[in-house]
Amino acid sequence: MPVTLQYVDQARWEAEDQVRIDLVRIYEDAPQERMPTPTVLPFIERHLKRQHYFACAHFNDRLLGAVAVQEADDRAWWLSELCVRKTTRRRGVGTRLMALLGEQAKKEGRVLRIETASLPLADRVLLSKLGYRPVANEHPSEPEAPATSDFVELDPQGKG
């Protein structure tokens, strides 16, 4: 399946009817445990109004999967709420989307980060296979602090 990477920001969301339809369908198809809110439209609009955007898997003029992207002050991209349309799950769309985003991050010299505290084991395994690694805790002197943080990152230079 030749999936390509496309971005949906506020301007594209407002300009393209099909983009709105597809992005809403992606998140309406999401398993309940993947959605932080019970309704999809406010979830999408909240991200877009905060200047976040969605990196999307595009195939045959449709968006099949998406992940929310937030740029941090250090230029790292924090990813959250990865979801793929139910009709195309288990076909590698999510894996391809994450790989394409990793390639784009490498071109731009960015680091990708994902919080792992609430991720299911299957998602953590996928991230590990894609090269995401736990990050050492920044406060190792604190006796109660864990050895690693509760996020993983994909370093484009392979340092992680």
N, C-alpha and C. Protein backbone atom coordinates (compact mmCIF):
# COMPACT_ATOMS: atom_id res chain seq x y z
N MET A 1 0.85 -1.17 0.00
CA MET A 1 0.00 0.00 0.00
C MET A 1 0.90 1.24 0.00
N PRO A 2 0.94 2.00 -1.10
CA PRO A 2 1.82 3.17 -1.19
C PRO A 2 1.26 4.39 -0.44
N VAL A 3 1.52 4.42 0.83
CA VAL A 3 1.03 5.49 1.69
C VAL A 3 2.01 6.66 1.64
N THR A 4 1.50 7.88 1.58
CA THR A 4 2.33 9.08 1.63
C THR A 4 1.96 9.90 2.87
N LEU A 5 2.83 10.84 3.22
CA LEU A 5 2.64 11.68 4.39
C LEU A 5 2.02 13.01 3.97
N GLN A 6 0.95 13.39 4.65
CA GLN A 6 0.34 14.70 4.44
C GLN A 6 0.04 15.33 5.79
N TYR A 7 0.03 16.65 5.82
CA TYR A 7 -0.22 17.37 7.06
C TYR A 7 -1.56 18.09 7.00
N VAL A 8 -2.23 18.12 8.13
CA VAL A 8 -3.47 18.88 8.25
C VAL A 8 -3.29 19.89 9.36
N ASP A 9 -3.26 21.16 8.97
CA ASP A 9 -3.20 22.25 9.94
C ASP A 9 -4.53 23.00 9.89
N GLN A 10 -4.63 24.08 10.64
CA GLN A 10 -5.89 24.83 10.70
C GLN A 10 -6.34 25.29 9.31
N ALA A 11 -5.42 25.81 8.50
CA ALA A 11 -5.79 26.32 7.18
C ALA A 11 -6.33 25.21 6.28
N ARG A 12 -5.68 24.07 6.28
CA ARG A 12 -6.15 22.96 5.44
C ARG A 12 -7.48 22.42 5.94
N TRP A 13 -7.62 22.34 7.26
CA TRP A 13 -8.87 21.89 7.88
C TRP A 13 -10.03 22.76 7.42
N GLU A 14 -9.82 24.06 7.39
CA GLU A 14 -10.89 25.00 6.99
C GLU A 14 -11.14 24.98 5.49
N ALA A 15 -10.12 24.67 4.69
CA ALA A 15 -10.24 24.79 3.23
C ALA A 15 -10.76 23.55 2.52
N GLU A 16 -10.58 22.36 3.09
CA GLU A 16 -10.87 21.13 2.34
C GLU A 16 -11.91 20.26 3.04
N ASP A 17 -13.07 20.15 2.41
CA ASP A 17 -14.15 19.34 2.97
C ASP A 17 -13.74 17.88 3.17
N GLN A 18 -13.07 17.29 2.17
CA GLN A 18 -12.71 15.88 2.26
C GLN A 18 -11.73 15.62 3.40
N VAL A 19 -10.84 16.56 3.65
CA VAL A 19 -9.89 16.43 4.77
C VAL A 19 -10.66 16.38 6.09
N ARG A 20 -11.63 17.28 6.24
CA ARG A 20 -12.44 17.28 7.47
C ARG A 20 -13.18 15.96 7.63
N ILE A 21 -13.79 15.49 6.56
CA ILE A 21 -14.53 14.22 6.62
C ILE A 21 -13.61 13.08 7.01
N ASP A 22 -12.45 12.99 6.34
CA ASP A 22 -11.53 11.88 6.60
C ASP A 22 -10.96 11.92 8.01
N LEU A 23 -10.54 13.09 8.47
CA LEU A 23 -9.94 13.18 9.81
C LEU A 23 -10.95 12.84 10.89
N VAL A 24 -12.17 13.31 10.74
CA VAL A 24 -13.22 12.97 11.70
C VAL A 24 -13.47 11.47 11.68
N ARG A 25 -13.52 10.86 10.51
CA ARG A 25 -13.76 9.41 10.41
C ARG A 25 -12.64 8.62 11.08
N ILE A 26 -11.40 9.06 10.90
CA ILE A 26 -10.27 8.35 11.53
C ILE A 26 -10.48 8.28 13.03
N TYR A 27 -10.80 9.41 13.63
CA TYR A 27 -10.93 9.43 15.09
C TYR A 27 -12.27 8.90 15.58
N GLU A 28 -13.31 8.93 14.75
CA GLU A 28 -14.56 8.27 15.14
C GLU A 28 -14.38 6.76 15.19
N ASP A 29 -13.49 6.25 14.35
CA ASP A 29 -13.18 4.82 14.32
C ASP A 29 -12.28 4.38 15.47
N ALA A 30 -11.72 5.33 16.19
CA ALA A 30 -10.73 5.01 17.23
C ALA A 30 -11.35 4.18 18.35
N PRO A 31 -10.60 3.19 18.83
CA PRO A 31 -11.07 2.49 20.03
C PRO A 31 -11.20 3.51 21.16
N GLN A 32 -12.18 3.34 22.00
CA GLN A 32 -12.49 4.31 23.04
C GLN A 32 -11.28 4.65 23.91
N GLU A 33 -10.44 3.65 24.20
CA GLU A 33 -9.29 3.90 25.07
C GLU A 33 -8.23 4.77 24.41
N ARG A 34 -8.30 4.99 23.10
CA ARG A 34 -7.34 5.84 22.41
C ARG A 34 -7.76 7.31 22.37
N MET A 35 -9.00 7.57 22.66
CA MET A 35 -9.50 8.95 22.57
C MET A 35 -9.58 9.60 23.94
N PRO A 36 -8.95 10.77 24.08
CA PRO A 36 -8.99 11.46 25.37
C PRO A 36 -10.32 12.16 25.66
N THR A 37 -11.15 12.32 24.64
CA THR A 37 -12.45 12.96 24.81
C THR A 37 -13.52 12.09 24.16
N PRO A 38 -14.75 12.17 24.63
CA PRO A 38 -15.81 11.35 24.05
C PRO A 38 -16.29 11.84 22.68
N THR A 39 -16.02 13.09 22.33
CA THR A 39 -16.46 13.61 21.04
C THR A 39 -15.26 14.04 20.20
N VAL A 40 -15.31 13.72 18.92
CA VAL A 40 -14.18 13.87 18.03
C VAL A 40 -13.94 15.31 17.60
N LEU A 41 -14.97 16.01 17.17
CA LEU A 41 -14.79 17.35 16.62
C LEU A 41 -14.09 18.31 17.59
N PRO A 42 -14.52 18.39 18.86
CA PRO A 42 -13.80 19.28 19.79
C PRO A 42 -12.34 18.85 20.01
N PHE A 43 -12.09 17.55 19.98
CA PHE A 43 -10.73 17.04 20.12
C PHE A 43 -9.84 17.55 18.99
N ILE A 44 -10.30 17.44 17.74
CA ILE A 44 -9.53 17.90 16.58
C ILE A 44 -9.36 19.41 16.63
N GLU A 45 -10.45 20.13 16.85
CA GLU A 45 -10.40 21.59 16.86
C GLU A 45 -9.51 22.13 17.97
N ARG A 46 -9.50 21.46 19.12
CA ARG A 46 -8.63 21.89 20.23
C ARG A 46 -7.16 21.80 19.81
N HIS A 47 -6.78 20.71 19.18
CA HIS A 47 -5.40 20.57 18.69
C HIS A 47 -5.06 21.68 17.70
N LEU A 48 -5.92 21.88 16.72
CA LEU A 48 -5.64 22.85 15.67
C LEU A 48 -5.58 24.28 16.20
N LYS A 49 -6.45 24.62 17.14
CA LYS A 49 -6.45 25.98 17.71
C LYS A 49 -5.20 26.25 18.54
N ARG A 50 -4.57 25.18 19.03
CA ARG A 50 -3.32 25.33 19.80
C ARG A 50 -2.09 25.31 18.89
N GLN A 51 -2.31 25.44 17.60
CA GLN A 51 -1.24 25.44 16.60
C GLN A 51 -0.56 24.07 16.45
N HIS A 52 -1.23 23.01 16.88
CA HIS A 52 -0.76 21.66 16.61
C HIS A 52 -1.26 21.32 15.20
N TYR A 53 -0.84 20.20 14.70
CA TYR A 53 -1.36 19.74 13.42
C TYR A 53 -1.40 18.22 13.45
N PHE A 54 -1.93 17.64 12.40
CA PHE A 54 -2.01 16.18 12.30
C PHE A 54 -1.15 15.73 11.13
N ALA A 55 -0.30 14.76 11.38
CA ALA A 55 0.44 14.08 10.31
C ALA A 55 -0.43 12.90 9.91
N CYS A 56 -0.70 12.78 8.62
CA CYS A 56 -1.67 11.79 8.16
C CYS A 56 -1.10 10.86 7.10
N ALA A 57 -1.58 9.63 7.13
CA ALA A 57 -1.28 8.65 6.10
C ALA A 57 -2.30 8.85 4.98
N HIS A 58 -1.81 9.08 3.77
CA HIS A 58 -2.65 9.39 2.62
C HIS A 58 -2.52 8.26 1.59
N PHE A 59 -3.67 7.79 1.10
CA PHE A 59 -3.70 6.74 0.08
C PHE A 59 -4.98 6.88 -0.73
N ASN A 60 -4.86 6.84 -2.07
CA ASN A 60 -6.03 6.92 -2.95
C ASN A 60 -6.94 8.10 -2.62
N ASP A 61 -6.37 9.27 -2.49
CA ASP A 61 -7.11 10.51 -2.23
C ASP A 61 -7.87 10.53 -0.91
N ARG A 62 -7.47 9.70 0.03
CA ARG A 62 -8.11 9.68 1.35
C ARG A 62 -7.06 9.62 2.44
N LEU A 63 -7.42 10.16 3.59
CA LEU A 63 -6.59 10.05 4.77
C LEU A 63 -7.02 8.80 5.52
N LEU A 64 -6.07 7.91 5.82
CA LEU A 64 -6.39 6.63 6.45
C LEU A 64 -5.95 6.54 7.90
N GLY A 65 -5.02 7.37 8.29
CA GLY A 65 -4.50 7.35 9.65
C GLY A 65 -3.98 8.73 10.00
N ALA A 66 -3.86 8.98 11.30
CA ALA A 66 -3.38 10.29 11.73
C ALA A 66 -2.73 10.18 13.10
N VAL A 67 -1.85 11.13 13.36
CA VAL A 67 -1.24 11.29 14.67
C VAL A 67 -1.12 12.79 14.92
N ALA A 68 -1.49 13.22 16.12
CA ALA A 68 -1.40 14.63 16.47
C ALA A 68 0.06 14.99 16.73
N VAL A 69 0.47 16.17 16.28
CA VAL A 69 1.86 16.62 16.42
C VAL A 69 1.87 17.99 17.08
N GLN A 70 2.68 18.10 18.12
CA GLN A 70 2.86 19.37 18.82
C GLN A 70 4.34 19.68 18.83
N GLU A 71 4.70 20.88 18.37
CA GLU A 71 6.11 21.26 18.37
C GLU A 71 6.48 21.89 19.71
N ALA A 72 7.55 21.37 20.32
CA ALA A 72 8.01 21.88 21.61
C ALA A 72 9.00 23.03 21.38
N ASP A 73 9.34 23.73 22.46
CA ASP A 73 10.28 24.85 22.39
C ASP A 73 11.64 24.42 21.86
N ASP A 74 12.03 23.17 22.12
CA ASP A 74 13.33 22.67 21.64
C ASP A 74 13.24 22.08 20.23
N ARG A 75 12.13 22.33 19.54
CA ARG A 75 11.87 21.88 18.16
C ARG A 75 11.56 20.40 18.06
N ALA A 76 11.47 19.69 19.18
CA ALA A 76 11.06 18.29 19.14
C ALA A 76 9.58 18.22 18.79
N TRP A 77 9.20 17.15 18.13
CA TRP A 77 7.79 16.91 17.83
C TRP A 77 7.26 15.88 18.80
N TRP A 78 6.26 16.27 19.58
CA TRP A 78 5.58 15.35 20.50
C TRP A 78 4.39 14.76 19.76
N LEU A 79 4.32 13.46 19.69
CA LEU A 79 3.25 12.77 18.97
C LEU A 79 2.25 12.18 19.96
N SER A 80 0.98 12.20 19.59
CA SER A 80 -0.06 11.60 20.44
C SER A 80 -1.25 11.19 19.59
N GLU A 81 -2.07 10.34 20.17
CA GLU A 81 -3.34 9.92 19.56
C GLU A 81 -3.19 9.37 18.14
N LEU A 82 -2.30 8.41 17.97
CA LEU A 82 -2.17 7.71 16.68
C LEU A 82 -3.40 6.83 16.48
N CYS A 83 -4.00 6.95 15.32
CA CYS A 83 -5.17 6.13 15.02
C CYS A 83 -5.24 5.88 13.51
N VAL A 84 -5.75 4.70 13.16
CA VAL A 84 -5.91 4.29 11.76
C VAL A 84 -7.37 3.88 11.57
N ARG A 85 -7.91 4.21 10.40
CA ARG A 85 -9.29 3.80 10.09
C ARG A 85 -9.45 2.30 10.29
N LYS A 86 -10.57 1.93 10.84
CA LYS A 86 -10.84 0.52 11.15
C LYS A 86 -10.71 -0.37 9.92
N THR A 87 -11.18 0.11 8.77
CA THR A 87 -11.15 -0.69 7.54
C THR A 87 -9.74 -0.97 7.02
N THR A 88 -8.75 -0.22 7.48
CA THR A 88 -7.38 -0.42 6.99
C THR A 88 -6.40 -0.83 8.08
N ARG A 89 -6.89 -1.15 9.26
CA ARG A 89 -6.00 -1.60 10.34
C ARG A 89 -5.38 -2.95 9.99
N ARG A 90 -4.23 -3.19 10.58
CA ARG A 90 -3.48 -4.44 10.41
C ARG A 90 -2.94 -4.59 8.99
N ARG A 91 -2.76 -3.45 8.30
CA ARG A 91 -2.18 -3.46 6.95
C ARG A 91 -0.90 -2.62 6.89
N GLY A 92 -0.41 -2.21 8.03
CA GLY A 92 0.85 -1.46 8.07
C GLY A 92 0.72 0.04 7.90
N VAL A 93 -0.50 0.56 7.90
CA VAL A 93 -0.69 2.00 7.68
C VAL A 93 -0.08 2.81 8.83
N GLY A 94 -0.35 2.42 10.07
CA GLY A 94 0.20 3.14 11.21
C GLY A 94 1.70 3.07 11.26
N THR A 95 2.26 1.89 10.98
CA THR A 95 3.71 1.72 10.95
C THR A 95 4.32 2.59 9.87
N ARG A 96 3.71 2.60 8.70
CA ARG A 96 4.21 3.41 7.58
C ARG A 96 4.13 4.90 7.92
N LEU A 97 3.04 5.33 8.52
CA LEU A 97 2.89 6.72 8.92
C LEU A 97 4.01 7.12 9.88
N MET A 98 4.26 6.29 10.88
CA MET A 98 5.30 6.60 11.85
C MET A 98 6.69 6.61 11.20
N ALA A 99 6.92 5.69 10.24
CA ALA A 99 8.20 5.66 9.53
C ALA A 99 8.39 6.90 8.67
N LEU A 100 7.35 7.31 7.96
CA LEU A 100 7.43 8.53 7.14
C LEU A 100 7.68 9.76 8.00
N LEU A 101 7.03 9.82 9.14
CA LEU A 101 7.23 10.95 10.05
C LEU A 101 8.67 10.93 10.59
N GLY A 102 9.19 9.75 10.86
CA GLY A 102 10.58 9.62 11.29
C GLY A 102 11.55 10.11 10.23
N GLU A 103 11.29 9.77 8.96
CA GLU A 103 12.13 10.24 7.85
C GLU A 103 12.08 11.75 7.74
N GLN A 104 10.89 12.33 7.87
CA GLN A 104 10.75 13.79 7.79
C GLN A 104 11.49 14.47 8.94
N ALA A 105 11.38 13.90 10.14
CA ALA A 105 12.08 14.45 11.30
C ALA A 105 13.59 14.42 11.07
N LYS A 106 14.07 13.34 10.50
CA LYS A 106 15.51 13.22 10.23
C LYS A 106 15.96 14.30 9.24
N LYS A 107 15.17 14.52 8.18
CA LYS A 107 15.51 15.56 7.20
C LYS A 107 15.60 16.93 7.85
N GLU A 108 14.74 17.17 8.85
CA GLU A 108 14.69 18.48 9.51
C GLU A 108 15.53 18.55 10.78
N GLY A 109 16.20 17.44 11.13
CA GLY A 109 17.03 17.42 12.33
C GLY A 109 16.23 17.53 13.62
N ARG A 110 15.06 16.93 13.62
CA ARG A 110 14.18 16.98 14.79
C ARG A 110 14.17 15.65 15.52
N VAL A 111 13.73 15.69 16.76
CA VAL A 111 13.55 14.49 17.57
C VAL A 111 12.05 14.27 17.72
N LEU A 112 11.61 13.01 17.61
CA LEU A 112 10.21 12.66 17.84
C LEU A 112 10.10 12.09 19.24
N ARG A 113 9.06 12.52 19.98
CA ARG A 113 8.85 12.03 21.34
C ARG A 113 7.40 11.60 21.51
N ILE A 114 7.22 10.56 22.34
CA ILE A 114 5.89 10.06 22.63
C ILE A 114 5.82 9.68 24.10
N GLU A 115 4.82 10.21 24.80
CA GLU A 115 4.60 9.81 26.19
C GLU A 115 4.13 8.37 26.21
N THR A 116 4.66 7.59 27.15
CA THR A 116 4.35 6.17 27.17
C THR A 116 3.54 5.72 28.38
N ALA A 117 3.33 6.61 29.33
CA ALA A 117 2.69 6.23 30.59
C ALA A 117 1.36 5.50 30.38
N SER A 118 0.58 5.92 29.41
CA SER A 118 -0.75 5.32 29.22
C SER A 118 -0.85 4.45 27.96
N LEU A 119 0.28 4.19 27.30
CA LEU A 119 0.23 3.38 26.07
C LEU A 119 0.10 1.89 26.38
N PRO A 120 -0.70 1.18 25.59
CA PRO A 120 -0.77 -0.28 25.76
C PRO A 120 0.56 -0.91 25.35
N LEU A 121 0.81 -2.11 25.83
CA LEU A 121 2.05 -2.83 25.56
C LEU A 121 2.30 -2.98 24.06
N ALA A 122 1.28 -3.27 23.27
CA ALA A 122 1.45 -3.45 21.83
C ALA A 122 2.01 -2.19 21.18
N ASP A 123 1.56 -1.02 21.62
CA ASP A 123 2.07 0.23 21.08
C ASP A 123 3.52 0.44 21.47
N ARG A 124 3.86 0.09 22.70
CA ARG A 124 5.25 0.23 23.15
C ARG A 124 6.18 -0.69 22.35
N VAL A 125 5.71 -1.89 22.05
CA VAL A 125 6.50 -2.84 21.25
C VAL A 125 6.71 -2.27 19.85
N LEU A 126 5.66 -1.74 19.23
CA LEU A 126 5.78 -1.14 17.90
C LEU A 126 6.80 -0.01 17.92
N LEU A 127 6.71 0.87 18.92
CA LEU A 127 7.64 1.99 19.00
C LEU A 127 9.08 1.50 19.14
N SER A 128 9.28 0.46 19.91
CA SER A 128 10.61 -0.11 20.07
C SER A 128 11.14 -0.64 18.73
N LYS A 129 10.28 -1.33 17.98
CA LYS A 129 10.68 -1.85 16.66
C LYS A 129 11.02 -0.73 15.69
N LEU A 130 10.37 0.42 15.86
CA LEU A 130 10.63 1.57 14.99
C LEU A 130 11.86 2.37 15.41
N GLY A 131 12.48 1.98 16.54
CA GLY A 131 13.70 2.65 16.96
C GLY A 131 13.54 3.66 18.08
N TYR A 132 12.35 3.76 18.65
CA TYR A 132 12.14 4.68 19.78
C TYR A 132 12.77 4.07 21.02
N ARG A 133 13.44 4.91 21.81
CA ARG A 133 14.12 4.44 23.01
C ARG A 133 13.74 5.28 24.21
N PRO A 134 13.69 4.65 25.40
CA PRO A 134 13.42 5.42 26.62
C PRO A 134 14.53 6.45 26.84
N VAL A 135 14.17 7.53 27.47
CA VAL A 135 15.13 8.60 27.72
C VAL A 135 15.52 8.56 29.19
N ALA A 136 16.80 8.71 29.46
CA ALA A 136 17.28 8.71 30.85
C ALA A 136 16.63 9.84 31.62
N ASN A 137 16.29 9.57 32.88
CA ASN A 137 15.67 10.57 33.74
C ASN A 137 16.62 11.74 33.95
N GLU A 138 16.09 12.96 33.88
CA GLU A 138 16.91 14.16 34.05
C GLU A 138 17.27 14.44 35.51
N HIS A 139 16.62 13.77 36.45
CA HIS A 139 16.86 14.00 37.88
C HIS A 139 17.24 12.70 38.58
N PRO A 140 18.38 12.08 38.19
CA PRO A 140 18.72 10.78 38.77
C PRO A 140 19.08 10.85 40.26
N SER A 141 19.35 12.05 40.76
CA SER A 141 19.74 12.16 42.17
C SER A 141 18.55 12.04 43.12
N GLU A 142 17.34 12.20 42.59
CA GLU A 142 16.16 12.07 43.43
C GLU A 142 15.93 10.59 43.74
N PRO A 143 15.86 10.22 45.02
CA PRO A 143 15.76 8.80 45.38
C PRO A 143 14.52 8.10 44.85
N GLU A 144 13.42 8.82 44.68
CA GLU A 144 12.17 8.20 44.22
C GLU A 144 12.03 8.23 42.70
N ALA A 145 12.97 8.86 42.00
CA ALA A 145 12.85 9.02 40.55
C ALA A 145 13.19 7.72 39.83
N PRO A 146 12.40 7.35 38.83
CA PRO A 146 12.72 6.16 38.04
C PRO A 146 13.98 6.41 37.19
N ALA A 147 14.60 5.34 36.72
CA ALA A 147 15.82 5.46 35.93
C ALA A 147 15.57 6.10 34.57
N THR A 148 14.37 5.89 34.04
CA THR A 148 14.04 6.49 32.75
C THR A 148 12.78 7.33 32.87
N SER A 149 12.62 8.22 31.91
CA SER A 149 11.43 9.08 31.89
C SER A 149 10.23 8.27 31.42
N ASP A 150 9.06 8.91 31.41
CA ASP A 150 7.87 8.21 30.92
C ASP A 150 7.57 8.58 29.47
N PHE A 151 8.63 8.80 28.70
CA PHE A 151 8.46 8.98 27.26
C PHE A 151 9.62 8.32 26.53
N VAL A 152 9.39 8.08 25.24
CA VAL A 152 10.43 7.53 24.37
C VAL A 152 10.69 8.55 23.27
N GLU A 153 11.86 8.45 22.67
CA GLU A 153 12.13 9.36 21.55
C GLU A 153 12.87 8.64 20.44
N LEU A 154 12.71 9.18 19.27
CA LEU A 154 13.40 8.73 18.08
C LEU A 154 14.35 9.84 17.71
N ASP A 155 15.63 9.62 17.92
CA ASP A 155 16.64 10.62 17.61
C ASP A 155 17.06 10.46 16.15
N PRO A 156 16.93 11.51 15.34
CA PRO A 156 17.25 11.39 13.91
C PRO A 156 18.73 11.10 13.66
N GLN A 157 19.58 11.38 14.62
CA GLN A 157 21.01 11.13 14.44
C GLN A 157 21.41 9.76 14.98
N GLY A 158 20.42 9.02 15.54
CA GLY A 158 20.70 7.69 16.05
C GLY A 158 21.42 7.69 17.38
N LYS A 159 21.31 8.76 18.15
CA LYS A 159 22.00 8.87 19.44
C LYS A 159 21.20 8.28 20.58
N GLY A 160 19.90 7.92 20.33
CA GLY A 160 19.04 7.51 21.41
C GLY A 160 18.96 6.06 21.66
